[in-house]
């Protein structure tokens, strides 16, 4: 039987609380947040929420720009690292446990609603979209960065998913948030304006084997897949596919691994 929405949320929290997401976040703390923040005009004193903040990549930049910032995540286990980063950066962020499908804020609470590789992992895309729009003020901006289906991480998630049980009927694959047409269709009912850009995050490792060994240890979705598939004897086959995928995408010429991973930047502007 498919898990209920509540059961799935508990499982999702366990996924992101496992491993060491902070180690992954360090490797995506340059090109993706820059690509977002340079397209969102954050002014001192404005109210900003970073939804599914993780360890705060977007939240910290918004706070450094002078905004009053909330960093919200389903997995508060990540907030220890986030808070330590905020203290080192000399900024203040209000870290709040919460669900992007049921944001604990009134309508029109924020000037900017941001998320970097966060909301795409919530199961019900339309529900999440409605919440992002609801808490955004008139003339405000929703800014999202998500892995594309055809990019490196999108293909990794698809490969892992092919070995795992099917998603419940009410859930959609995370990489769809990186498809421009899908995002347009999600926001179309709200009369907003959408603009898009594509960027790339470089993954640099010693080898394809090094990449997979790192991710299967620290990245929640892969770590949990490894645990489940190891119990059934299926992990090695999946792992071999992941290593081959990295080797196929490798652009390095010195024996190491360099894989640019495509992401979609979506800027959604709410009418005044």
C-alpha atoms as a PDB file:
ATOM      1  CA  UNK A   1       0.000   0.000   0.000  1.00  0.00           C
ATOM      2  CA  UNK A   2       1.160   3.534  -0.715  1.00  0.00           C
ATOM      3  CA  UNK A   3       2.120   5.596   2.325  1.00  0.00           C
ATOM      4  CA  UNK A   4      -0.189   8.385   3.409  1.00  0.00           C
ATOM      5  CA  UNK A   5       0.993  11.962   2.901  1.00  0.00           C
ATOM      6  CA  UNK A   6       1.796  12.206   6.620  1.00  0.00           C
ATOM      7  CA  UNK A   7       3.795   8.973   6.540  1.00  0.00           C
ATOM      8  CA  UNK A   8       5.695  10.143   3.478  1.00  0.00           C
ATOM      9  CA  UNK A   9       6.587  13.414   5.205  1.00  0.00           C
ATOM     10  CA  UNK A  10       8.051  11.481   8.138  1.00  0.00           C
ATOM     11  CA  UNK A  11      10.100   9.423   5.687  1.00  0.00           C
ATOM     12  CA  UNK A  12      11.270  12.566   3.870  1.00  0.00           C
ATOM     13  CA  UNK A  13      12.417  14.127   7.133  1.00  0.00           C
ATOM     14  CA  UNK A  14      14.404  10.965   7.821  1.00  0.00           C
ATOM     15  CA  UNK A  15      16.008  11.132   4.386  1.00  0.00           C
ATOM     16  CA  UNK A  16      17.279  14.696   4.787  1.00  0.00           C
ATOM     17  CA  UNK A  17      18.298  14.221   8.417  1.00  0.00           C
ATOM     18  CA  UNK A  18      20.477  11.257   7.443  1.00  0.00           C
ATOM     19  CA  UNK A  19      24.008  11.431   6.172  1.00  0.00           C
ATOM     20  CA  UNK A  20      25.706  14.821   6.071  1.00  0.00           C
ATOM     21  CA  UNK A  21      23.776  17.188   3.837  1.00  0.00           C
ATOM     22  CA  UNK A  22      26.001  20.057   4.949  1.00  0.00           C
ATOM     23  CA  UNK A  23      28.875  18.419   3.036  1.00  0.00           C
ATOM     24  CA  UNK A  24      26.769  18.431  -0.133  1.00  0.00           C
ATOM     25  CA  UNK A  25      25.527  21.978   0.485  1.00  0.00           C
ATOM     26  CA  UNK A  26      29.116  23.234   0.508  1.00  0.00           C
ATOM     27  CA  UNK A  27      29.494  22.009  -3.080  1.00  0.00           C
ATOM     28  CA  UNK A  28      26.421  23.881  -4.327  1.00  0.00           C
ATOM     29  CA  UNK A  29      27.035  27.150  -2.500  1.00  0.00           C
ATOM     30  CA  UNK A  30      28.416  29.153  -5.403  1.00  0.00           C
ATOM     31  CA  UNK A  31      26.807  29.064  -8.859  1.00  0.00           C
ATOM     32  CA  UNK A  32      23.225  28.116  -7.838  1.00  0.00           C
ATOM     33  CA  UNK A  33      22.675  30.753  -5.108  1.00  0.00           C
ATOM     34  CA  UNK A  34      24.460  33.420  -7.173  1.00  0.00           C
ATOM     35  CA  UNK A  35      22.241  32.629 -10.154  1.00  0.00           C
ATOM     36  CA  UNK A  36      19.193  33.158  -7.962  1.00  0.00           C
ATOM     37  CA  UNK A  37      20.173  36.164  -5.854  1.00  0.00           C
ATOM     38  CA  UNK A  38      21.392  38.191  -8.834  1.00  0.00           C
ATOM     39  CA  UNK A  39      17.894  37.893 -10.331  1.00  0.00           C
ATOM     40  CA  UNK A  40      16.000  38.776  -7.135  1.00  0.00           C
ATOM     41  CA  UNK A  41      16.183  42.388  -6.024  1.00  0.00           C
ATOM     42  CA  UNK A  42      16.505  41.975  -2.263  1.00  0.00           C
ATOM     43  CA  UNK A  43      16.526  45.266  -0.368  1.00  0.00           C
ATOM     44  CA  UNK A  44      17.409  45.947   3.273  1.00  0.00           C
ATOM     45  CA  UNK A  45      14.443  45.519   5.577  1.00  0.00           C
ATOM     46  CA  UNK A  46      12.441  43.296   3.247  1.00  0.00           C
ATOM     47  CA  UNK A  47      10.943  40.021   4.474  1.00  0.00           C
ATOM     48  CA  UNK A  48      12.361  36.875   2.863  1.00  0.00           C
ATOM     49  CA  UNK A  49      11.693  33.190   3.403  1.00  0.00           C
ATOM     50  CA  UNK A  50      14.030  30.441   2.200  1.00  0.00           C
ATOM     51  CA  UNK A  51      11.789  27.385   1.883  1.00  0.00           C
ATOM     52  CA  UNK A  52      13.396  23.970   2.437  1.00  0.00           C
ATOM     53  CA  UNK A  53      16.505  25.909   3.401  1.00  0.00           C
ATOM     54  CA  UNK A  54      18.721  22.964   4.325  1.00  0.00           C
ATOM     55  CA  UNK A  55      21.834  24.566   5.803  1.00  0.00           C
ATOM     56  CA  UNK A  56      20.850  28.021   4.568  1.00  0.00           C
ATOM     57  CA  UNK A  57      22.577  28.695   1.238  1.00  0.00           C
ATOM     58  CA  UNK A  58      19.909  31.162   0.083  1.00  0.00           C
ATOM     59  CA  UNK A  59      18.939  32.378   3.550  1.00  0.00           C
ATOM     60  CA  UNK A  60      22.450  33.523   4.403  1.00  0.00           C
ATOM     61  CA  UNK A  61      22.833  35.545   1.200  1.00  0.00           C
ATOM     62  CA  UNK A  62      19.461  37.194   1.708  1.00  0.00           C
ATOM     63  CA  UNK A  63      20.378  38.093   5.283  1.00  0.00           C
ATOM     64  CA  UNK A  64      23.709  39.495   4.114  1.00  0.00           C
ATOM     65  CA  UNK A  65      21.733  41.760   1.765  1.00  0.00           C
ATOM     66  CA  UNK A  66      19.985  43.245   4.795  1.00  0.00           C
ATOM     67  CA  UNK A  67      16.697  41.341   4.658  1.00  0.00           C
ATOM     68  CA  UNK A  68      14.764  39.912   7.582  1.00  0.00           C
ATOM     69  CA  UNK A  69      15.002  36.208   6.806  1.00  0.00           C
ATOM     70  CA  UNK A  70      13.251  33.003   7.783  1.00  0.00           C
ATOM     71  CA  UNK A  71      14.936  29.715   6.920  1.00  0.00           C
ATOM     72  CA  UNK A  72      12.310  26.958   6.969  1.00  0.00           C
ATOM     73  CA  UNK A  73      12.905  23.226   6.656  1.00  0.00           C
ATOM     74  CA  UNK A  74      11.147  19.934   7.326  1.00  0.00           C
ATOM     75  CA  UNK A  75      14.351  18.593   8.929  1.00  0.00           C
ATOM     76  CA  UNK A  76      15.417  20.807  11.870  1.00  0.00           C
ATOM     77  CA  UNK A  77      18.393  18.490  12.346  1.00  0.00           C
ATOM     78  CA  UNK A  78      20.101  20.678   9.723  1.00  0.00           C
ATOM     79  CA  UNK A  79      19.723  23.878  11.730  1.00  0.00           C
ATOM     80  CA  UNK A  80      22.801  23.340  13.897  1.00  0.00           C
ATOM     81  CA  UNK A  81      25.033  23.731  10.870  1.00  0.00           C
ATOM     82  CA  UNK A  82      22.865  26.538   9.492  1.00  0.00           C
ATOM     83  CA  UNK A  83      23.077  28.512  12.734  1.00  0.00           C
ATOM     84  CA  UNK A  84      26.848  28.064  12.958  1.00  0.00           C
ATOM     85  CA  UNK A  85      27.185  29.361   9.401  1.00  0.00           C
ATOM     86  CA  UNK A  86      25.006  32.373  10.205  1.00  0.00           C
ATOM     87  CA  UNK A  87      27.145  33.208  13.250  1.00  0.00           C
ATOM     88  CA  UNK A  88      30.344  32.993  11.184  1.00  0.00           C
ATOM     89  CA  UNK A  89      28.784  35.249   8.536  1.00  0.00           C
ATOM     90  CA  UNK A  90      27.601  37.736  11.159  1.00  0.00           C
ATOM     91  CA  UNK A  91      23.954  37.570  10.087  1.00  0.00           C
ATOM     92  CA  UNK A  92      20.680  36.688  11.787  1.00  0.00           C
ATOM     93  CA  UNK A  93      18.216  34.139  10.394  1.00  0.00           C
ATOM     94  CA  UNK A  94      15.091  32.787  12.084  1.00  0.00           C
ATOM     95  CA  UNK A  95      15.333  29.003  11.644  1.00  0.00           C
ATOM     96  CA  UNK A  96      11.867  27.421  11.664  1.00  0.00           C
ATOM     97  CA  UNK A  97      10.751  23.808  11.366  1.00  0.00           C
ATOM     98  CA  UNK A  98       7.981  23.615   8.791  1.00  0.00           C
ATOM     99  CA  UNK A  99       6.501  22.007   5.705  1.00  0.00           C
ATOM    100  CA  UNK A 100       6.472  23.776   2.333  1.00  0.00           C
ATOM    101  CA  UNK A 101       3.080  22.210   1.610  1.00  0.00           C
ATOM    102  CA  UNK A 102       1.634  23.956   4.680  1.00  0.00           C
ATOM    103  CA  UNK A 103       3.670  27.076   5.394  1.00  0.00           C
ATOM    104  CA  UNK A 104       2.984  28.384   8.928  1.00  0.00           C
ATOM    105  CA  UNK A 105       2.525  32.006   7.831  1.00  0.00           C
ATOM    106  CA  UNK A 106      -0.319  34.324   6.918  1.00  0.00           C
ATOM    107  CA  UNK A 107      -1.097  35.280   3.346  1.00  0.00           C
ATOM    108  CA  UNK A 108       1.236  37.898   1.832  1.00  0.00           C
ATOM    109  CA  UNK A 109       3.867  37.613   4.575  1.00  0.00           C
ATOM    110  CA  UNK A 110       7.017  37.898   2.442  1.00  0.00           C
ATOM    111  CA  UNK A 111       8.460  40.142  -0.256  1.00  0.00           C
ATOM    112  CA  UNK A 112      10.545  37.269  -1.630  1.00  0.00           C
ATOM    113  CA  UNK A 113       9.985  33.511  -1.414  1.00  0.00           C
ATOM    114  CA  UNK A 114      13.107  31.520  -2.295  1.00  0.00           C
ATOM    115  CA  UNK A 115      14.164  27.888  -2.552  1.00  0.00           C
ATOM    116  CA  UNK A 116      17.333  26.244  -3.846  1.00  0.00           C
ATOM    117  CA  UNK A 117      17.074  22.485  -4.492  1.00  0.00           C
ATOM    118  CA  UNK A 118      14.425  22.337  -1.782  1.00  0.00           C
ATOM    119  CA  UNK A 119      10.758  22.507  -2.745  1.00  0.00           C
ATOM    120  CA  UNK A 120      11.320  20.124  -5.655  1.00  0.00           C
ATOM    121  CA  UNK A 121      11.478  17.247  -3.171  1.00  0.00           C
ATOM    122  CA  UNK A 122       8.024  17.911  -1.692  1.00  0.00           C
ATOM    123  CA  UNK A 123       5.625  15.303  -3.093  1.00  0.00           C
ATOM    124  CA  UNK A 124       2.633  17.414  -4.210  1.00  0.00           C
ATOM    125  CA  UNK A 125       3.851  20.044  -6.631  1.00  0.00           C
ATOM    126  CA  UNK A 126       0.560  21.893  -7.031  1.00  0.00           C
ATOM    127  CA  UNK A 127       0.071  22.125  -3.259  1.00  0.00           C
ATOM    128  CA  UNK A 128       3.571  23.536  -2.820  1.00  0.00           C
ATOM    129  CA  UNK A 129       2.992  26.042  -5.630  1.00  0.00           C
ATOM    130  CA  UNK A 130      -0.172  27.311  -3.982  1.00  0.00           C
ATOM    131  CA  UNK A 131       1.661  27.852  -0.710  1.00  0.00           C
ATOM    132  CA  UNK A 132       4.563  29.717  -2.333  1.00  0.00           C
ATOM    133  CA  UNK A 133       2.122  32.066  -4.069  1.00  0.00           C
ATOM    134  CA  UNK A 134      -0.060  32.476  -0.979  1.00  0.00           C
ATOM    135  CA  UNK A 135       2.691  33.756   1.327  1.00  0.00           C
ATOM    136  CA  UNK A 136       4.230  36.031  -1.329  1.00  0.00           C
ATOM    137  CA  UNK A 137       3.122  39.673  -1.251  1.00  0.00           C
ATOM    138  CA  UNK A 138       1.639  41.470  -4.272  1.00  0.00           C
ATOM    139  CA  UNK A 139       4.499  42.621  -6.537  1.00  0.00           C
ATOM    140  CA  UNK A 140       6.712  40.102  -4.735  1.00  0.00           C
ATOM    141  CA  UNK A 141       9.019  37.505  -6.234  1.00  0.00           C
ATOM    142  CA  UNK A 142       9.242  33.740  -5.985  1.00  0.00           C
ATOM    143  CA  UNK A 143      12.735  32.549  -6.919  1.00  0.00           C
ATOM    144  CA  UNK A 144      13.520  28.867  -7.376  1.00  0.00           C
ATOM    145  CA  UNK A 145      16.542  26.799  -8.385  1.00  0.00           C
ATOM    146  CA  UNK A 146      15.937  23.141  -9.212  1.00  0.00           C
ATOM    147  CA  UNK A 147      17.833  20.293 -10.864  1.00  0.00           C
ATOM    148  CA  UNK A 148      16.610  19.608 -14.401  1.00  0.00           C
ATOM    149  CA  UNK A 149      15.404  16.158 -15.513  1.00  0.00           C
ATOM    150  CA  UNK A 150      18.101  15.951 -18.200  1.00  0.00           C
ATOM    151  CA  UNK A 151      20.934  17.167 -15.965  1.00  0.00           C
ATOM    152  CA  UNK A 152      23.366  15.098 -13.931  1.00  0.00           C
ATOM    153  CA  UNK A 153      21.486  15.061 -10.625  1.00  0.00           C
ATOM    154  CA  UNK A 154      18.182  14.639 -12.448  1.00  0.00           C
ATOM    155  CA  UNK A 155      19.548  11.539 -14.161  1.00  0.00           C
ATOM    156  CA  UNK A 156      20.977  10.235 -10.899  1.00  0.00           C
ATOM    157  CA  UNK A 157      17.592  10.564  -9.211  1.00  0.00           C
ATOM    158  CA  UNK A 158      15.918   8.844 -12.157  1.00  0.00           C
ATOM    159  CA  UNK A 159      18.441   5.991 -12.019  1.00  0.00           C
ATOM    160  CA  UNK A 160      17.940   5.491  -8.300  1.00  0.00           C
ATOM    161  CA  UNK A 161      14.170   5.736  -8.715  1.00  0.00           C
ATOM    162  CA  UNK A 162      14.166   2.972 -11.318  1.00  0.00           C
ATOM    163  CA  UNK A 163      15.333   0.559  -8.598  1.00  0.00           C
ATOM    164  CA  UNK A 164      12.943   1.814  -5.902  1.00  0.00           C
ATOM    165  CA  UNK A 165       9.197   1.360  -5.344  1.00  0.00           C
ATOM    166  CA  UNK A 166       6.994   3.608  -7.478  1.00  0.00           C
ATOM    167  CA  UNK A 167       5.952   6.966  -6.064  1.00  0.00           C
ATOM    168  CA  UNK A 168       2.435   7.203  -4.602  1.00  0.00           C
ATOM    169  CA  UNK A 169      -0.231   8.410  -7.041  1.00  0.00           C
ATOM    170  CA  UNK A 170      -0.374  11.815  -5.383  1.00  0.00           C
ATOM    171  CA  UNK A 171       3.398  12.431  -5.691  1.00  0.00           C
ATOM    172  CA  UNK A 172       5.387  13.742  -8.659  1.00  0.00           C
ATOM    173  CA  UNK A 173       9.077  13.182  -9.493  1.00  0.00           C
ATOM    174  CA  UNK A 174      11.337  15.907  -8.043  1.00  0.00           C
ATOM    175  CA  UNK A 175      13.167  16.720 -11.320  1.00  0.00           C
ATOM    176  CA  UNK A 176       9.911  17.917 -12.910  1.00  0.00           C
ATOM    177  CA  UNK A 177      10.481  21.168 -11.010  1.00  0.00           C
ATOM    178  CA  UNK A 178      13.431  21.655 -13.343  1.00  0.00           C
ATOM    179  CA  UNK A 179      11.225  21.460 -16.442  1.00  0.00           C
ATOM    180  CA  UNK A 180      10.207  24.919 -17.655  1.00  0.00           C
ATOM    181  CA  UNK A 181       6.853  23.825 -19.072  1.00  0.00           C
ATOM    182  CA  UNK A 182       5.938  22.009 -15.860  1.00  0.00           C
ATOM    183  CA  UNK A 183       6.719  25.104 -13.787  1.00  0.00           C
ATOM    184  CA  UNK A 184       4.708  27.336 -16.137  1.00  0.00           C
ATOM    185  CA  UNK A 185       1.712  25.020 -15.812  1.00  0.00           C
ATOM    186  CA  UNK A 186       1.988  24.978 -12.014  1.00  0.00           C
ATOM    187  CA  UNK A 187       1.932  28.779 -11.748  1.00  0.00           C
ATOM    188  CA  UNK A 188      -0.396  29.555 -14.676  1.00  0.00           C
ATOM    189  CA  UNK A 189      -3.584  29.648 -12.540  1.00  0.00           C
ATOM    190  CA  UNK A 190      -2.181  32.500 -10.429  1.00  0.00           C
ATOM    191  CA  UNK A 191      -1.725  35.134 -13.141  1.00  0.00           C
ATOM    192  CA  UNK A 192       1.991  35.559 -12.500  1.00  0.00           C
ATOM    193  CA  UNK A 193       4.867  36.326 -14.853  1.00  0.00           C
ATOM    194  CA  UNK A 194       7.585  33.697 -15.237  1.00  0.00           C
ATOM    195  CA  UNK A 195      11.103  33.961 -16.564  1.00  0.00           C
ATOM    196  CA  UNK A 196      13.729  31.236 -16.733  1.00  0.00           C
ATOM    197  CA  UNK A 197      17.459  30.739 -17.020  1.00  0.00           C
ATOM    198  CA  UNK A 198      19.693  27.687 -17.039  1.00  0.00           C
ATOM    199  CA  UNK A 199      22.895  27.325 -15.033  1.00  0.00           C
ATOM    200  CA  UNK A 200      25.400  24.620 -14.181  1.00  0.00           C
ATOM    201  CA  UNK A 201      26.958  23.495 -10.920  1.00  0.00           C
ATOM    202  CA  UNK A 202      30.384  21.871 -11.395  1.00  0.00           C
ATOM    203  CA  UNK A 203      30.963  18.623  -9.535  1.00  0.00           C
ATOM    204  CA  UNK A 204      34.719  18.042  -9.143  1.00  0.00           C
ATOM    205  CA  UNK A 205      35.933  14.747  -7.702  1.00  0.00           C
ATOM    206  CA  UNK A 206      38.978  12.508  -8.059  1.00  0.00           C
ATOM    207  CA  UNK A 207      36.967  10.017 -10.114  1.00  0.00           C
ATOM    208  CA  UNK A 208      33.476   8.698 -10.848  1.00  0.00           C
ATOM    209  CA  UNK A 209      34.002   6.140  -8.089  1.00  0.00           C
ATOM    210  CA  UNK A 210      34.889   8.938  -5.674  1.00  0.00           C
ATOM    211  CA  UNK A 211      31.709  10.854  -6.561  1.00  0.00           C
ATOM    212  CA  UNK A 212      29.452   7.858  -5.917  1.00  0.00           C
ATOM    213  CA  UNK A 213      31.233   6.826  -2.709  1.00  0.00           C
ATOM    214  CA  UNK A 214      30.842  10.377  -1.398  1.00  0.00           C
ATOM    215  CA  UNK A 215      27.163  10.685  -2.299  1.00  0.00           C
ATOM    216  CA  UNK A 216      26.162   7.249  -1.048  1.00  0.00           C
ATOM    217  CA  UNK A 217      27.564   8.250   2.344  1.00  0.00           C
ATOM    218  CA  UNK A 218      26.365  11.837   2.797  1.00  0.00           C
ATOM    219  CA  UNK A 219      23.437  12.518   0.409  1.00  0.00           C
ATOM    220  CA  UNK A 220      20.173  11.414   2.025  1.00  0.00           C
ATOM    221  CA  UNK A 221      18.307  10.174  -1.081  1.00  0.00           C
ATOM    222  CA  UNK A 222      21.236   8.033  -2.215  1.00  0.00           C
ATOM    223  CA  UNK A 223      22.152   6.895   1.290  1.00  0.00           C
ATOM    224  CA  UNK A 224      18.611   5.678   1.994  1.00  0.00           C
ATOM    225  CA  UNK A 225      18.430   3.995  -1.421  1.00  0.00           C
ATOM    226  CA  UNK A 226      21.695   2.213  -0.662  1.00  0.00           C
ATOM    227  CA  UNK A 227      20.339   0.997   2.688  1.00  0.00           C
ATOM    228  CA  UNK A 228      17.115  -0.290   1.149  1.00  0.00           C
ATOM    229  CA  UNK A 229      18.651  -1.856  -1.951  1.00  0.00           C
ATOM    230  CA  UNK A 230      21.534  -3.421  -0.031  1.00  0.00           C
ATOM    231  CA  UNK A 231      18.956  -5.348   2.015  1.00  0.00           C
ATOM    232  CA  UNK A 232      17.571  -6.886  -1.189  1.00  0.00           C
ATOM    233  CA  UNK A 233      20.926  -7.385  -2.899  1.00  0.00           C
ATOM    234  CA  UNK A 234      20.161  -4.796  -5.586  1.00  0.00           C
ATOM    235  CA  UNK A 235      22.463  -1.942  -4.621  1.00  0.00           C
ATOM    236  CA  UNK A 236      25.542  -3.050  -6.532  1.00  0.00           C
ATOM    237  CA  UNK A 237      23.663  -3.070  -9.842  1.00  0.00           C
ATOM    238  CA  UNK A 238      22.321   0.422  -9.149  1.00  0.00           C
ATOM    239  CA  UNK A 239      25.735   1.613  -8.029  1.00  0.00           C
ATOM    240  CA  UNK A 240      27.394   0.357 -11.199  1.00  0.00           C
ATOM    241  CA  UNK A 241      24.874   2.351 -13.232  1.00  0.00           C
ATOM    242  CA  UNK A 242      25.643   5.487 -11.224  1.00  0.00           C
ATOM    243  CA  UNK A 243      29.396   5.135 -11.723  1.00  0.00           C
ATOM    244  CA  UNK A 244      28.872   4.555 -15.453  1.00  0.00           C
ATOM    245  CA  UNK A 245      26.608   7.614 -15.610  1.00  0.00           C
ATOM    246  CA  UNK A 246      29.338   9.771 -14.040  1.00  0.00           C
ATOM    247  CA  UNK A 247      31.968   8.403 -16.399  1.00  0.00           C
ATOM    248  CA  UNK A 248      29.763   9.096 -19.414  1.00  0.00           C
ATOM    249  CA  UNK A 249      29.198  12.723 -18.357  1.00  0.00           C
ATOM    250  CA  UNK A 250      32.794  13.381 -17.327  1.00  0.00           C
ATOM    251  CA  UNK A 251      34.387  16.388 -19.054  1.00  0.00           C
ATOM    252  CA  UNK A 252      37.763  16.262 -17.283  1.00  0.00           C
ATOM    253  CA  UNK A 253      40.838  15.471 -19.349  1.00  0.00           C
ATOM    254  CA  UNK A 254      43.322  14.921 -16.515  1.00  0.00           C
ATOM    255  CA  UNK A 255      41.970  11.651 -15.113  1.00  0.00           C
ATOM    256  CA  UNK A 256      39.752  13.319 -12.522  1.00  0.00           C
ATOM    257  CA  UNK A 257      35.994  13.946 -12.678  1.00  0.00           C
ATOM    258  CA  UNK A 258      34.327  17.172 -13.786  1.00  0.00           C
ATOM    259  CA  UNK A 259      30.592  17.041 -14.381  1.00  0.00           C
ATOM    260  CA  UNK A 260      28.578  20.247 -14.927  1.00  0.00           C
ATOM    261  CA  UNK A 261      25.130  19.622 -13.452  1.00  0.00           C
ATOM    262  CA  UNK A 262      22.290  21.558 -15.063  1.00  0.00           C
ATOM    263  CA  UNK A 263      19.763  23.499 -13.007  1.00  0.00           C
ATOM    264  CA  UNK A 264      16.789  25.694 -13.863  1.00  0.00           C
ATOM    265  CA  UNK A 265      16.351  29.147 -12.338  1.00  0.00           C
ATOM    266  CA  UNK A 266      12.682  30.176 -12.233  1.00  0.00           C
ATOM    267  CA  UNK A 267      11.718  33.744 -11.335  1.00  0.00           C
ATOM    268  CA  UNK A 268       7.991  34.176 -10.750  1.00  0.00           C
ATOM    269  CA  UNK A 269       6.718  37.712 -10.277  1.00  0.00           C
ATOM    270  CA  UNK A 270       3.396  38.228  -8.556  1.00  0.00           C
ATOM    271  CA  UNK A 271       1.228  41.105  -9.871  1.00  0.00           C
ATOM    272  CA  UNK A 272       0.800  44.215  -7.745  1.00  0.00           C
END
